[in-house]
């Protein structure tokens, strides 16, 4: 039986099948689904757990022996079979087909493996697993879906965040669900339930960094060229992700353009910063930067950022260096030096 991942908890509240298969390339989601099954198995009296991992030298007879052996305490037993490669081999394929045909009524078996490709799904052993097991196929959370996934995880701990904050988290974790999970749990520990603001999320995510990418923006907005260059060198040395640095710089440029457009329409600066959810030290930095940066400078910077993005992705741009860090530095300096006093 094929079971959607989101339906697993409801299924486990009603029944416990003798065989479960979890197929996924997302380690975190595979682990969470397995944990749910383990917890349900314990409630149903599976007090003993035996874990087998298919690796070089694995003897498939161990699986059959685990299935036929009684629990040391006469209770039900949870048998876990982990196939990290998703390829059991010829002997393993035969052993799996035999195993599912002779499931022990007092045992619960959990098989975990990566998501199977189309050809492997058509094999006899994979078909046998799908026919007999509760089969949970968990897809990879692609970048386009990551923002929604983060928002849903925040809701589980009774927290929420706006689109800007979610976008920042998406860029920060770069599709790594384990990293995203750690950052989200950190937010639950640091802040109470309710709406989180951008500054809270920024501080929580980056508070362990020696060189804070948002302090880099502070140097850029104030026109402190020397500080900006030092921080870029530090971020490069610490291996800060290039897309994150570009995003942080570009986001400030877009915000400044939105402020300038609003002012041109006759909106008051106070109302603008409130509507754009800008407050605290960042409000002072941006409003001060408005006084020295022209719309033309910002538009040129936005176009240059699009070119830098191509360099980061490995594409050649005739007007820029092939060194992505140097291209980023030149972008930031174009903003920092414009009308600045070049503080030290």
C-alpha atoms as a PDB file:
ATOM      1  CA  UNK A   1       0.000   0.000   0.000  1.00  0.00           C
ATOM      2  CA  UNK A   2       1.380   3.374  -1.008  1.00  0.00           C
ATOM      3  CA  UNK A   3       1.046   5.914   1.813  1.00  0.00           C
ATOM      4  CA  UNK A   4       1.592   9.656   1.549  1.00  0.00           C
ATOM      5  CA  UNK A   5       4.172  10.913   4.089  1.00  0.00           C
ATOM      6  CA  UNK A   6       1.730  13.388   5.634  1.00  0.00           C
ATOM      7  CA  UNK A   7      -0.750  10.540   6.269  1.00  0.00           C
ATOM      8  CA  UNK A   8       1.692   8.387   8.246  1.00  0.00           C
ATOM      9  CA  UNK A   9       0.839   9.677  11.727  1.00  0.00           C
ATOM     10  CA  UNK A  10      -2.911   9.189  11.209  1.00  0.00           C
ATOM     11  CA  UNK A  11      -2.247   5.671   9.896  1.00  0.00           C
ATOM     12  CA  UNK A  12      -0.124   4.747  12.927  1.00  0.00           C
ATOM     13  CA  UNK A  13      -2.824   5.908  15.327  1.00  0.00           C
ATOM     14  CA  UNK A  14      -5.189   3.331  13.843  1.00  0.00           C
ATOM     15  CA  UNK A  15      -3.043   0.306  13.064  1.00  0.00           C
ATOM     16  CA  UNK A  16       0.487  -1.099  12.830  1.00  0.00           C
ATOM     17  CA  UNK A  17       1.419  -3.043   9.699  1.00  0.00           C
ATOM     18  CA  UNK A  18       3.965  -5.897   9.739  1.00  0.00           C
ATOM     19  CA  UNK A  19       6.149  -4.231   7.092  1.00  0.00           C
ATOM     20  CA  UNK A  20       7.049  -0.610   6.322  1.00  0.00           C
ATOM     21  CA  UNK A  21       9.337   0.697   3.597  1.00  0.00           C
ATOM     22  CA  UNK A  22      10.607   4.295   3.598  1.00  0.00           C
ATOM     23  CA  UNK A  23      12.268   5.443   0.375  1.00  0.00           C
ATOM     24  CA  UNK A  24      13.757   8.939   0.353  1.00  0.00           C
ATOM     25  CA  UNK A  25      16.890  10.920  -0.418  1.00  0.00           C
ATOM     26  CA  UNK A  26      16.004  13.407   2.333  1.00  0.00           C
ATOM     27  CA  UNK A  27      17.818  12.062   5.379  1.00  0.00           C
ATOM     28  CA  UNK A  28      15.858  14.220   7.825  1.00  0.00           C
ATOM     29  CA  UNK A  29      12.419  13.242   6.513  1.00  0.00           C
ATOM     30  CA  UNK A  30      13.398   9.590   6.294  1.00  0.00           C
ATOM     31  CA  UNK A  31      14.617   9.712   9.894  1.00  0.00           C
ATOM     32  CA  UNK A  32      11.460  11.448  11.142  1.00  0.00           C
ATOM     33  CA  UNK A  33       9.181   8.925   9.436  1.00  0.00           C
ATOM     34  CA  UNK A  34      11.232   6.059  10.875  1.00  0.00           C
ATOM     35  CA  UNK A  35      11.055   7.605  14.357  1.00  0.00           C
ATOM     36  CA  UNK A  36       7.252   7.722  14.112  1.00  0.00           C
ATOM     37  CA  UNK A  37       7.128   4.038  13.210  1.00  0.00           C
ATOM     38  CA  UNK A  38       9.536   3.140  16.023  1.00  0.00           C
ATOM     39  CA  UNK A  39       7.416   5.017  18.558  1.00  0.00           C
ATOM     40  CA  UNK A  40       4.234   3.279  17.361  1.00  0.00           C
ATOM     41  CA  UNK A  41       5.985  -0.095  17.492  1.00  0.00           C
ATOM     42  CA  UNK A  42       7.034   0.476  21.103  1.00  0.00           C
ATOM     43  CA  UNK A  43       3.447   1.310  22.049  1.00  0.00           C
ATOM     44  CA  UNK A  44       2.348  -1.965  20.454  1.00  0.00           C
ATOM     45  CA  UNK A  45       4.777  -3.995  22.559  1.00  0.00           C
ATOM     46  CA  UNK A  46       7.861  -4.184  20.347  1.00  0.00           C
ATOM     47  CA  UNK A  47      10.307  -3.905  23.215  1.00  0.00           C
ATOM     48  CA  UNK A  48      13.275  -5.360  21.318  1.00  0.00           C
ATOM     49  CA  UNK A  49      14.879  -3.731  18.292  1.00  0.00           C
ATOM     50  CA  UNK A  50      17.373  -5.314  15.907  1.00  0.00           C
ATOM     51  CA  UNK A  51      19.166  -3.174  13.314  1.00  0.00           C
ATOM     52  CA  UNK A  52      20.812  -4.625  10.199  1.00  0.00           C
ATOM     53  CA  UNK A  53      22.751  -2.540   7.661  1.00  0.00           C
ATOM     54  CA  UNK A  54      23.470  -3.825   4.174  1.00  0.00           C
ATOM     55  CA  UNK A  55      27.125  -3.054   3.530  1.00  0.00           C
ATOM     56  CA  UNK A  56      30.138  -4.872   2.142  1.00  0.00           C
ATOM     57  CA  UNK A  57      30.229  -8.409   3.559  1.00  0.00           C
ATOM     58  CA  UNK A  58      26.620  -8.352   4.785  1.00  0.00           C
ATOM     59  CA  UNK A  59      25.146 -11.844   5.151  1.00  0.00           C
ATOM     60  CA  UNK A  60      21.539 -11.927   4.028  1.00  0.00           C
ATOM     61  CA  UNK A  61      20.953 -14.938   6.212  1.00  0.00           C
ATOM     62  CA  UNK A  62      21.054 -12.519   9.172  1.00  0.00           C
ATOM     63  CA  UNK A  63      17.780 -11.001   7.997  1.00  0.00           C
ATOM     64  CA  UNK A  64      15.988 -14.327   7.892  1.00  0.00           C
ATOM     65  CA  UNK A  65      17.515 -15.296  11.239  1.00  0.00           C
ATOM     66  CA  UNK A  66      16.267 -12.080  12.824  1.00  0.00           C
ATOM     67  CA  UNK A  67      12.787 -12.758  11.467  1.00  0.00           C
ATOM     68  CA  UNK A  68      12.584 -16.298  12.775  1.00  0.00           C
ATOM     69  CA  UNK A  69      14.301 -15.810  16.151  1.00  0.00           C
ATOM     70  CA  UNK A  70      12.073 -15.148  19.146  1.00  0.00           C
ATOM     71  CA  UNK A  71      12.541 -12.009  21.226  1.00  0.00           C
ATOM     72  CA  UNK A  72      14.693 -12.528  24.313  1.00  0.00           C
ATOM     73  CA  UNK A  73      11.744 -11.521  26.470  1.00  0.00           C
ATOM     74  CA  UNK A  74       9.027 -13.190  24.450  1.00  0.00           C
ATOM     75  CA  UNK A  75       7.703  -9.835  23.227  1.00  0.00           C
ATOM     76  CA  UNK A  76       7.234  -8.468  19.750  1.00  0.00           C
ATOM     77  CA  UNK A  77      10.353  -7.299  17.928  1.00  0.00           C
ATOM     78  CA  UNK A  78      11.132  -4.411  15.582  1.00  0.00           C
ATOM     79  CA  UNK A  79      13.545  -5.386  12.812  1.00  0.00           C
ATOM     80  CA  UNK A  80      15.204  -2.557  10.899  1.00  0.00           C
ATOM     81  CA  UNK A  81      16.931  -3.213   7.605  1.00  0.00           C
ATOM     82  CA  UNK A  82      18.909  -0.312   6.142  1.00  0.00           C
ATOM     83  CA  UNK A  83      19.974  -0.421   2.489  1.00  0.00           C
ATOM     84  CA  UNK A  84      22.028   2.797   2.026  1.00  0.00           C
ATOM     85  CA  UNK A  85      22.736   2.200  -1.680  1.00  0.00           C
ATOM     86  CA  UNK A  86      19.246   1.068  -2.604  1.00  0.00           C
ATOM     87  CA  UNK A  87      20.803  -1.901  -4.423  1.00  0.00           C
ATOM     88  CA  UNK A  88      20.623  -5.227  -2.550  1.00  0.00           C
ATOM     89  CA  UNK A  89      22.335  -7.226  -5.299  1.00  0.00           C
ATOM     90  CA  UNK A  90      21.173 -10.542  -6.731  1.00  0.00           C
ATOM     91  CA  UNK A  91      21.340 -12.444  -3.444  1.00  0.00           C
ATOM     92  CA  UNK A  92      19.662  -9.626  -1.580  1.00  0.00           C
ATOM     93  CA  UNK A  93      16.890  -9.337  -4.146  1.00  0.00           C
ATOM     94  CA  UNK A  94      16.028 -13.002  -3.692  1.00  0.00           C
ATOM     95  CA  UNK A  95      16.282 -12.731   0.089  1.00  0.00           C
ATOM     96  CA  UNK A  96      13.916  -9.748   0.181  1.00  0.00           C
ATOM     97  CA  UNK A  97      11.303 -11.509  -1.933  1.00  0.00           C
ATOM     98  CA  UNK A  98      11.467 -14.545   0.321  1.00  0.00           C
ATOM     99  CA  UNK A  99      11.347 -12.366   3.433  1.00  0.00           C
ATOM    100  CA  UNK A 100       8.187 -10.493   2.498  1.00  0.00           C
ATOM    101  CA  UNK A 101       6.517 -13.786   1.636  1.00  0.00           C
ATOM    102  CA  UNK A 102       7.253 -15.177   5.126  1.00  0.00           C
ATOM    103  CA  UNK A 103       6.717 -12.240   7.488  1.00  0.00           C
ATOM    104  CA  UNK A 104       6.624 -13.248  11.147  1.00  0.00           C
ATOM    105  CA  UNK A 105       3.285 -12.257  12.735  1.00  0.00           C
ATOM    106  CA  UNK A 106       4.940 -11.061  15.961  1.00  0.00           C
ATOM    107  CA  UNK A 107       7.491  -8.812  14.292  1.00  0.00           C
ATOM    108  CA  UNK A 108       7.370  -5.379  12.701  1.00  0.00           C
ATOM    109  CA  UNK A 109       9.926  -4.772   9.942  1.00  0.00           C
ATOM    110  CA  UNK A 110      11.116  -1.366   8.808  1.00  0.00           C
ATOM    111  CA  UNK A 111      13.187  -1.102   5.623  1.00  0.00           C
ATOM    112  CA  UNK A 112      14.831   2.227   4.763  1.00  0.00           C
ATOM    113  CA  UNK A 113      16.558   3.033   1.496  1.00  0.00           C
ATOM    114  CA  UNK A 114      17.108   5.963  -0.870  1.00  0.00           C
ATOM    115  CA  UNK A 115      14.490   6.871  -3.429  1.00  0.00           C
ATOM    116  CA  UNK A 116      14.570   4.284  -6.222  1.00  0.00           C
ATOM    117  CA  UNK A 117      15.009   5.223  -9.867  1.00  0.00           C
ATOM    118  CA  UNK A 118      12.522   4.120 -12.500  1.00  0.00           C
ATOM    119  CA  UNK A 119      14.429   1.017 -13.558  1.00  0.00           C
ATOM    120  CA  UNK A 120      14.943  -0.202  -9.986  1.00  0.00           C
ATOM    121  CA  UNK A 121      11.271   0.330  -9.149  1.00  0.00           C
ATOM    122  CA  UNK A 122      10.368  -2.211 -11.847  1.00  0.00           C
ATOM    123  CA  UNK A 123      12.558  -4.984 -10.404  1.00  0.00           C
ATOM    124  CA  UNK A 124      10.931  -8.007  -8.803  1.00  0.00           C
ATOM    125  CA  UNK A 125      12.219  -7.253  -5.311  1.00  0.00           C
ATOM    126  CA  UNK A 126      11.052  -3.608  -5.373  1.00  0.00           C
ATOM    127  CA  UNK A 127       7.655  -4.664  -6.711  1.00  0.00           C
ATOM    128  CA  UNK A 128       7.356  -7.274  -3.936  1.00  0.00           C
ATOM    129  CA  UNK A 129       8.060  -4.603  -1.313  1.00  0.00           C
ATOM    130  CA  UNK A 130       5.443  -2.232  -2.732  1.00  0.00           C
ATOM    131  CA  UNK A 131       2.851  -5.021  -2.960  1.00  0.00           C
ATOM    132  CA  UNK A 132       3.224  -6.177   0.641  1.00  0.00           C
ATOM    133  CA  UNK A 133       4.505  -3.194   2.621  1.00  0.00           C
ATOM    134  CA  UNK A 134       3.123   0.132   3.653  1.00  0.00           C
ATOM    135  CA  UNK A 135       5.345   1.991   1.211  1.00  0.00           C
ATOM    136  CA  UNK A 136       6.235   5.623   1.982  1.00  0.00           C
ATOM    137  CA  UNK A 137       7.958   7.420  -0.879  1.00  0.00           C
ATOM    138  CA  UNK A 138       9.200  10.830   0.332  1.00  0.00           C
ATOM    139  CA  UNK A 139      10.275  13.242  -2.438  1.00  0.00           C
ATOM    140  CA  UNK A 140      13.131  15.707  -2.139  1.00  0.00           C
ATOM    141  CA  UNK A 141      12.091  19.169  -0.987  1.00  0.00           C
ATOM    142  CA  UNK A 142      13.199  21.260  -3.944  1.00  0.00           C
ATOM    143  CA  UNK A 143      14.224  24.883  -3.471  1.00  0.00           C
ATOM    144  CA  UNK A 144      10.893  26.110  -4.854  1.00  0.00           C
ATOM    145  CA  UNK A 145       9.079  24.245  -2.070  1.00  0.00           C
ATOM    146  CA  UNK A 146      11.559  24.953   0.701  1.00  0.00           C
ATOM    147  CA  UNK A 147       9.960  28.228   1.787  1.00  0.00           C
ATOM    148  CA  UNK A 148       6.600  26.540   2.289  1.00  0.00           C
ATOM    149  CA  UNK A 149       8.277  23.700   4.161  1.00  0.00           C
ATOM    150  CA  UNK A 150      10.027  26.126   6.520  1.00  0.00           C
ATOM    151  CA  UNK A 151       6.772  28.009   7.126  1.00  0.00           C
ATOM    152  CA  UNK A 152       4.960  24.763   7.965  1.00  0.00           C
ATOM    153  CA  UNK A 153       7.702  23.734  10.390  1.00  0.00           C
ATOM    154  CA  UNK A 154       7.468  27.117  12.118  1.00  0.00           C
ATOM    155  CA  UNK A 155       3.703  26.617  12.481  1.00  0.00           C
ATOM    156  CA  UNK A 156       4.321  23.303  14.242  1.00  0.00           C
ATOM    157  CA  UNK A 157       6.109  25.231  17.009  1.00  0.00           C
ATOM    158  CA  UNK A 158       3.473  27.999  16.939  1.00  0.00           C
ATOM    159  CA  UNK A 159       5.719  30.525  15.243  1.00  0.00           C
ATOM    160  CA  UNK A 160       5.507  32.350  11.927  1.00  0.00           C
ATOM    161  CA  UNK A 161       7.572  34.718   9.805  1.00  0.00           C
ATOM    162  CA  UNK A 162       7.060  37.049   6.872  1.00  0.00           C
ATOM    163  CA  UNK A 163       8.126  36.388   3.296  1.00  0.00           C
ATOM    164  CA  UNK A 164      11.419  38.291   3.658  1.00  0.00           C
ATOM    165  CA  UNK A 165      12.438  36.220   6.677  1.00  0.00           C
ATOM    166  CA  UNK A 166      11.467  32.948   5.003  1.00  0.00           C
ATOM    167  CA  UNK A 167      13.434  33.949   1.894  1.00  0.00           C
ATOM    168  CA  UNK A 168      16.465  34.690   4.059  1.00  0.00           C
ATOM    169  CA  UNK A 169      16.246  31.247   5.677  1.00  0.00           C
ATOM    170  CA  UNK A 170      15.884  29.578   2.280  1.00  0.00           C
ATOM    171  CA  UNK A 171      19.043  31.285   1.029  1.00  0.00           C
ATOM    172  CA  UNK A 172      20.873  30.562   4.245  1.00  0.00           C
ATOM    173  CA  UNK A 173      20.266  26.795   4.328  1.00  0.00           C
ATOM    174  CA  UNK A 174      20.444  26.366   0.528  1.00  0.00           C
ATOM    175  CA  UNK A 175      18.104  23.386   0.451  1.00  0.00           C
ATOM    176  CA  UNK A 176      19.818  21.503   3.298  1.00  0.00           C
ATOM    177  CA  UNK A 177      16.871  20.251   5.363  1.00  0.00           C
ATOM    178  CA  UNK A 178      19.045  19.208   8.283  1.00  0.00           C
ATOM    179  CA  UNK A 179      20.490  22.721   8.503  1.00  0.00           C
ATOM    180  CA  UNK A 180      16.987  24.200   8.103  1.00  0.00           C
ATOM    181  CA  UNK A 181      15.675  21.957  10.868  1.00  0.00           C
ATOM    182  CA  UNK A 182      18.452  23.029  13.224  1.00  0.00           C
ATOM    183  CA  UNK A 183      17.844  26.720  12.565  1.00  0.00           C
ATOM    184  CA  UNK A 184      14.071  26.356  13.036  1.00  0.00           C
ATOM    185  CA  UNK A 185      14.506  24.499  16.331  1.00  0.00           C
ATOM    186  CA  UNK A 186      16.934  27.203  17.437  1.00  0.00           C
ATOM    187  CA  UNK A 187      14.205  29.804  16.872  1.00  0.00           C
ATOM    188  CA  UNK A 188      11.859  27.831  19.137  1.00  0.00           C
ATOM    189  CA  UNK A 189      14.472  27.854  21.891  1.00  0.00           C
ATOM    190  CA  UNK A 190      15.363  31.525  21.581  1.00  0.00           C
ATOM    191  CA  UNK A 191      11.986  33.195  21.038  1.00  0.00           C
ATOM    192  CA  UNK A 192       8.406  32.819  22.310  1.00  0.00           C
ATOM    193  CA  UNK A 193       5.507  31.652  20.178  1.00  0.00           C
ATOM    194  CA  UNK A 194       4.031  34.072  17.665  1.00  0.00           C
ATOM    195  CA  UNK A 195       5.276  36.207  14.777  1.00  0.00           C
ATOM    196  CA  UNK A 196       9.052  36.439  14.422  1.00  0.00           C
ATOM    197  CA  UNK A 197      10.578  39.540  12.896  1.00  0.00           C
ATOM    198  CA  UNK A 198      13.441  39.604  10.435  1.00  0.00           C
ATOM    199  CA  UNK A 199      15.987  40.871  12.969  1.00  0.00           C
ATOM    200  CA  UNK A 200      15.239  37.981  15.345  1.00  0.00           C
ATOM    201  CA  UNK A 201      15.738  35.417  12.608  1.00  0.00           C
ATOM    202  CA  UNK A 202      18.837  37.138  11.270  1.00  0.00           C
ATOM    203  CA  UNK A 203      20.442  37.313  14.710  1.00  0.00           C
ATOM    204  CA  UNK A 204      19.579  33.702  15.545  1.00  0.00           C
ATOM    205  CA  UNK A 205      20.924  32.305  12.300  1.00  0.00           C
ATOM    206  CA  UNK A 206      24.091  34.359  12.130  1.00  0.00           C
ATOM    207  CA  UNK A 207      24.994  34.881  15.769  1.00  0.00           C
ATOM    208  CA  UNK A 208      27.815  32.317  15.628  1.00  0.00           C
ATOM    209  CA  UNK A 209      29.585  33.892  12.691  1.00  0.00           C
ATOM    210  CA  UNK A 210      32.715  35.917  13.225  1.00  0.00           C
ATOM    211  CA  UNK A 211      31.933  37.996  10.155  1.00  0.00           C
ATOM    212  CA  UNK A 212      28.233  38.787   9.945  1.00  0.00           C
ATOM    213  CA  UNK A 213      27.010  39.294   6.388  1.00  0.00           C
ATOM    214  CA  UNK A 214      24.568  41.929   7.651  1.00  0.00           C
ATOM    215  CA  UNK A 215      27.382  43.854   9.298  1.00  0.00           C
ATOM    216  CA  UNK A 216      28.888  43.802   5.819  1.00  0.00           C
ATOM    217  CA  UNK A 217      25.764  45.597   4.608  1.00  0.00           C
ATOM    218  CA  UNK A 218      26.182  48.119   7.398  1.00  0.00           C
ATOM    219  CA  UNK A 219      29.664  48.948   6.112  1.00  0.00           C
ATOM    220  CA  UNK A 220      28.317  49.164   2.567  1.00  0.00           C
ATOM    221  CA  UNK A 221      25.390  51.439   3.455  1.00  0.00           C
ATOM    222  CA  UNK A 222      27.518  53.795   5.550  1.00  0.00           C
ATOM    223  CA  UNK A 223      30.179  54.013   2.838  1.00  0.00           C
ATOM    224  CA  UNK A 224      32.913  52.573   5.073  1.00  0.00           C
ATOM    225  CA  UNK A 225      35.116  51.214   2.300  1.00  0.00           C
ATOM    226  CA  UNK A 226      37.968  49.871   4.453  1.00  0.00           C
ATOM    227  CA  UNK A 227      35.605  47.992   6.741  1.00  0.00           C
ATOM    228  CA  UNK A 228      33.681  46.600   3.789  1.00  0.00           C
ATOM    229  CA  UNK A 229      36.846  45.228   2.181  1.00  0.00           C
ATOM    230  CA  UNK A 230      38.028  43.671   5.482  1.00  0.00           C
ATOM    231  CA  UNK A 231      34.690  41.971   6.033  1.00  0.00           C
ATOM    232  CA  UNK A 232      34.546  40.621   2.482  1.00  0.00           C
ATOM    233  CA  UNK A 233      37.964  39.069   3.007  1.00  0.00           C
ATOM    234  CA  UNK A 234      36.771  37.573   6.298  1.00  0.00           C
ATOM    235  CA  UNK A 235      33.591  36.140   4.792  1.00  0.00           C
ATOM    236  CA  UNK A 236      35.577  34.639   1.941  1.00  0.00           C
ATOM    237  CA  UNK A 237      38.065  33.098   4.392  1.00  0.00           C
ATOM    238  CA  UNK A 238      35.256  31.548   6.445  1.00  0.00           C
ATOM    239  CA  UNK A 239      33.639  30.058   3.360  1.00  0.00           C
ATOM    240  CA  UNK A 240      30.418  32.048   3.580  1.00  0.00           C
ATOM    241  CA  UNK A 241      28.096  30.914   0.739  1.00  0.00           C
ATOM    242  CA  UNK A 242      28.413  33.261  -2.225  1.00  0.00           C
ATOM    243  CA  UNK A 243      24.653  33.263  -2.965  1.00  0.00           C
ATOM    244  CA  UNK A 244      23.932  34.450   0.589  1.00  0.00           C
ATOM    245  CA  UNK A 245      26.342  37.397   0.344  1.00  0.00           C
ATOM    246  CA  UNK A 246      24.928  38.372  -3.054  1.00  0.00           C
ATOM    247  CA  UNK A 247      21.368  38.073  -1.729  1.00  0.00           C
ATOM    248  CA  UNK A 248      22.142  40.284   1.271  1.00  0.00           C
ATOM    249  CA  UNK A 249      23.687  43.021  -0.885  1.00  0.00           C
ATOM    250  CA  UNK A 250      20.994  42.834  -3.557  1.00  0.00           C
ATOM    251  CA  UNK A 251      18.180  42.927  -1.001  1.00  0.00           C
ATOM    252  CA  UNK A 252      19.481  46.238   0.345  1.00  0.00           C
ATOM    253  CA  UNK A 253      19.646  47.655  -3.188  1.00  0.00           C
ATOM    254  CA  UNK A 254      16.047  46.595  -3.885  1.00  0.00           C
ATOM    255  CA  UNK A 255      14.883  48.081  -0.583  1.00  0.00           C
ATOM    256  CA  UNK A 256      16.569  51.393  -1.350  1.00  0.00           C
ATOM    257  CA  UNK A 257      14.921  51.474  -4.769  1.00  0.00           C
ATOM    258  CA  UNK A 258      11.511  50.799  -3.184  1.00  0.00           C
ATOM    259  CA  UNK A 259      12.110  53.676  -0.774  1.00  0.00           C
ATOM    260  CA  UNK A 260      13.124  56.007  -3.598  1.00  0.00           C
ATOM    261  CA  UNK A 261      10.089  55.023  -5.669  1.00  0.00           C
ATOM    262  CA  UNK A 262       7.806  55.669  -2.703  1.00  0.00           C
ATOM    263  CA  UNK A 263       9.342  59.074  -2.048  1.00  0.00           C
ATOM    264  CA  UNK A 264       8.946  59.948  -5.743  1.00  0.00           C
ATOM    265  CA  UNK A 265       5.227  59.169  -5.403  1.00  0.00           C
ATOM    266  CA  UNK A 266       5.001  61.592  -2.504  1.00  0.00           C
ATOM    267  CA  UNK A 267       4.921  59.101   0.373  1.00  0.00           C
ATOM    268  CA  UNK A 268       6.428  60.138   3.680  1.00  0.00           C
ATOM    269  CA  UNK A 269       9.609  58.319   4.695  1.00  0.00           C
ATOM    270  CA  UNK A 270       8.072  57.361   8.046  1.00  0.00           C
ATOM    271  CA  UNK A 271       5.099  55.694   6.382  1.00  0.00           C
ATOM    272  CA  UNK A 272       7.362  53.998   3.835  1.00  0.00           C
ATOM    273  CA  UNK A 273       9.667  52.347   6.346  1.00  0.00           C
ATOM    274  CA  UNK A 274       6.667  51.149   8.331  1.00  0.00           C
ATOM    275  CA  UNK A 275       5.020  49.648   5.229  1.00  0.00           C
ATOM    276  CA  UNK A 276       8.272  47.950   4.205  1.00  0.00           C
ATOM    277  CA  UNK A 277       8.789  46.636   7.766  1.00  0.00           C
ATOM    278  CA  UNK A 278      12.065  48.503   8.281  1.00  0.00           C
ATOM    279  CA  UNK A 279      12.899  49.520  11.814  1.00  0.00           C
ATOM    280  CA  UNK A 280      15.644  49.892  14.374  1.00  0.00           C
ATOM    281  CA  UNK A 281      19.267  50.462  13.306  1.00  0.00           C
ATOM    282  CA  UNK A 282      18.500  49.309   9.766  1.00  0.00           C
ATOM    283  CA  UNK A 283      16.019  52.165   9.315  1.00  0.00           C
ATOM    284  CA  UNK A 284      18.709  54.723  10.138  1.00  0.00           C
ATOM    285  CA  UNK A 285      21.236  53.028   7.842  1.00  0.00           C
ATOM    286  CA  UNK A 286      18.872  52.939   4.870  1.00  0.00           C
ATOM    287  CA  UNK A 287      17.526  56.447   5.254  1.00  0.00           C
ATOM    288  CA  UNK A 288      21.082  57.776   5.531  1.00  0.00           C
ATOM    289  CA  UNK A 289      22.133  55.785   2.444  1.00  0.00           C
ATOM    290  CA  UNK A 290      19.228  57.337   0.512  1.00  0.00           C
ATOM    291  CA  UNK A 291      20.838  60.737   0.874  1.00  0.00           C
ATOM    292  CA  UNK A 292      24.023  59.724  -0.932  1.00  0.00           C
ATOM    293  CA  UNK A 293      22.897  57.059  -3.430  1.00  0.00           C
ATOM    294  CA  UNK A 294      21.091  58.064  -6.607  1.00  0.00           C
ATOM    295  CA  UNK A 295      18.451  55.975  -8.358  1.00  0.00           C
ATOM    296  CA  UNK A 296      20.825  55.579 -11.303  1.00  0.00           C
ATOM    297  CA  UNK A 297      23.562  54.166  -9.049  1.00  0.00           C
ATOM    298  CA  UNK A 298      21.129  51.661  -7.526  1.00  0.00           C
ATOM    299  CA  UNK A 299      19.739  50.561 -10.892  1.00  0.00           C
ATOM    300  CA  UNK A 300      23.258  50.016 -12.198  1.00  0.00           C
ATOM    301  CA  UNK A 301      24.061  48.005  -9.049  1.00  0.00           C
ATOM    302  CA  UNK A 302      20.975  45.840  -9.595  1.00  0.00           C
ATOM    303  CA  UNK A 303      22.022  45.116 -13.168  1.00  0.00           C
ATOM    304  CA  UNK A 304      25.553  44.341 -11.989  1.00  0.00           C
ATOM    305  CA  UNK A 305      24.149  41.971  -9.340  1.00  0.00           C
ATOM    306  CA  UNK A 306      22.412  39.990 -12.085  1.00  0.00           C
ATOM    307  CA  UNK A 307      25.777  39.668 -13.845  1.00  0.00           C
ATOM    308  CA  UNK A 308      27.518  38.610 -10.632  1.00  0.00           C
ATOM    309  CA  UNK A 309      24.884  35.908 -10.184  1.00  0.00           C
ATOM    310  CA  UNK A 310      25.926  34.480 -13.545  1.00  0.00           C
ATOM    311  CA  UNK A 311      29.578  34.457 -12.470  1.00  0.00           C
ATOM    312  CA  UNK A 312      28.675  32.607  -9.248  1.00  0.00           C
ATOM    313  CA  UNK A 313      26.886  30.004 -11.387  1.00  0.00           C
ATOM    314  CA  UNK A 314      30.029  29.518 -13.454  1.00  0.00           C
ATOM    315  CA  UNK A 315      28.954  31.474 -16.525  1.00  0.00           C
ATOM    316  CA  UNK A 316      31.341  33.799 -18.300  1.00  0.00           C
ATOM    317  CA  UNK A 317      30.527  37.515 -18.315  1.00  0.00           C
ATOM    318  CA  UNK A 318      32.723  39.673 -20.547  1.00  0.00           C
ATOM    319  CA  UNK A 319      32.512  42.766 -18.353  1.00  0.00           C
ATOM    320  CA  UNK A 320      33.387  40.973 -15.101  1.00  0.00           C
ATOM    321  CA  UNK A 321      36.201  38.887 -13.691  1.00  0.00           C
ATOM    322  CA  UNK A 322      35.752  35.105 -13.507  1.00  0.00           C
ATOM    323  CA  UNK A 323      36.525  35.280  -9.782  1.00  0.00           C
ATOM    324  CA  UNK A 324      33.087  35.348  -8.124  1.00  0.00           C
ATOM    325  CA  UNK A 325      34.389  36.831  -4.865  1.00  0.00           C
ATOM    326  CA  UNK A 326      36.148  39.631  -6.730  1.00  0.00           C
ATOM    327  CA  UNK A 327      32.992  40.296  -8.759  1.00  0.00           C
ATOM    328  CA  UNK A 328      31.020  40.540  -5.499  1.00  0.00           C
ATOM    329  CA  UNK A 329      33.627  42.891  -4.054  1.00  0.00           C
ATOM    330  CA  UNK A 330      33.389  45.203  -7.067  1.00  0.00           C
ATOM    331  CA  UNK A 331      29.599  45.230  -6.772  1.00  0.00           C
ATOM    332  CA  UNK A 332      29.742  46.216  -3.118  1.00  0.00           C
ATOM    333  CA  UNK A 333      32.408  48.839  -3.709  1.00  0.00           C
ATOM    334  CA  UNK A 334      30.295  50.450  -6.437  1.00  0.00           C
ATOM    335  CA  UNK A 335      27.695  51.116  -3.744  1.00  0.00           C
ATOM    336  CA  UNK A 336      30.105  51.837  -0.897  1.00  0.00           C
ATOM    337  CA  UNK A 337      32.183  54.393  -2.778  1.00  0.00           C
ATOM    338  CA  UNK A 338      29.287  56.289  -4.318  1.00  0.00           C
ATOM    339  CA  UNK A 339      29.237  59.618  -2.465  1.00  0.00           C
ATOM    340  CA  UNK A 340      31.017  58.115   0.542  1.00  0.00           C
ATOM    341  CA  UNK A 341      33.730  59.638   2.700  1.00  0.00           C
ATOM    342  CA  UNK A 342      35.723  56.368   2.824  1.00  0.00           C
ATOM    343  CA  UNK A 343      36.036  56.036   6.584  1.00  0.00           C
ATOM    344  CA  UNK A 344      38.646  53.806   8.134  1.00  0.00           C
END
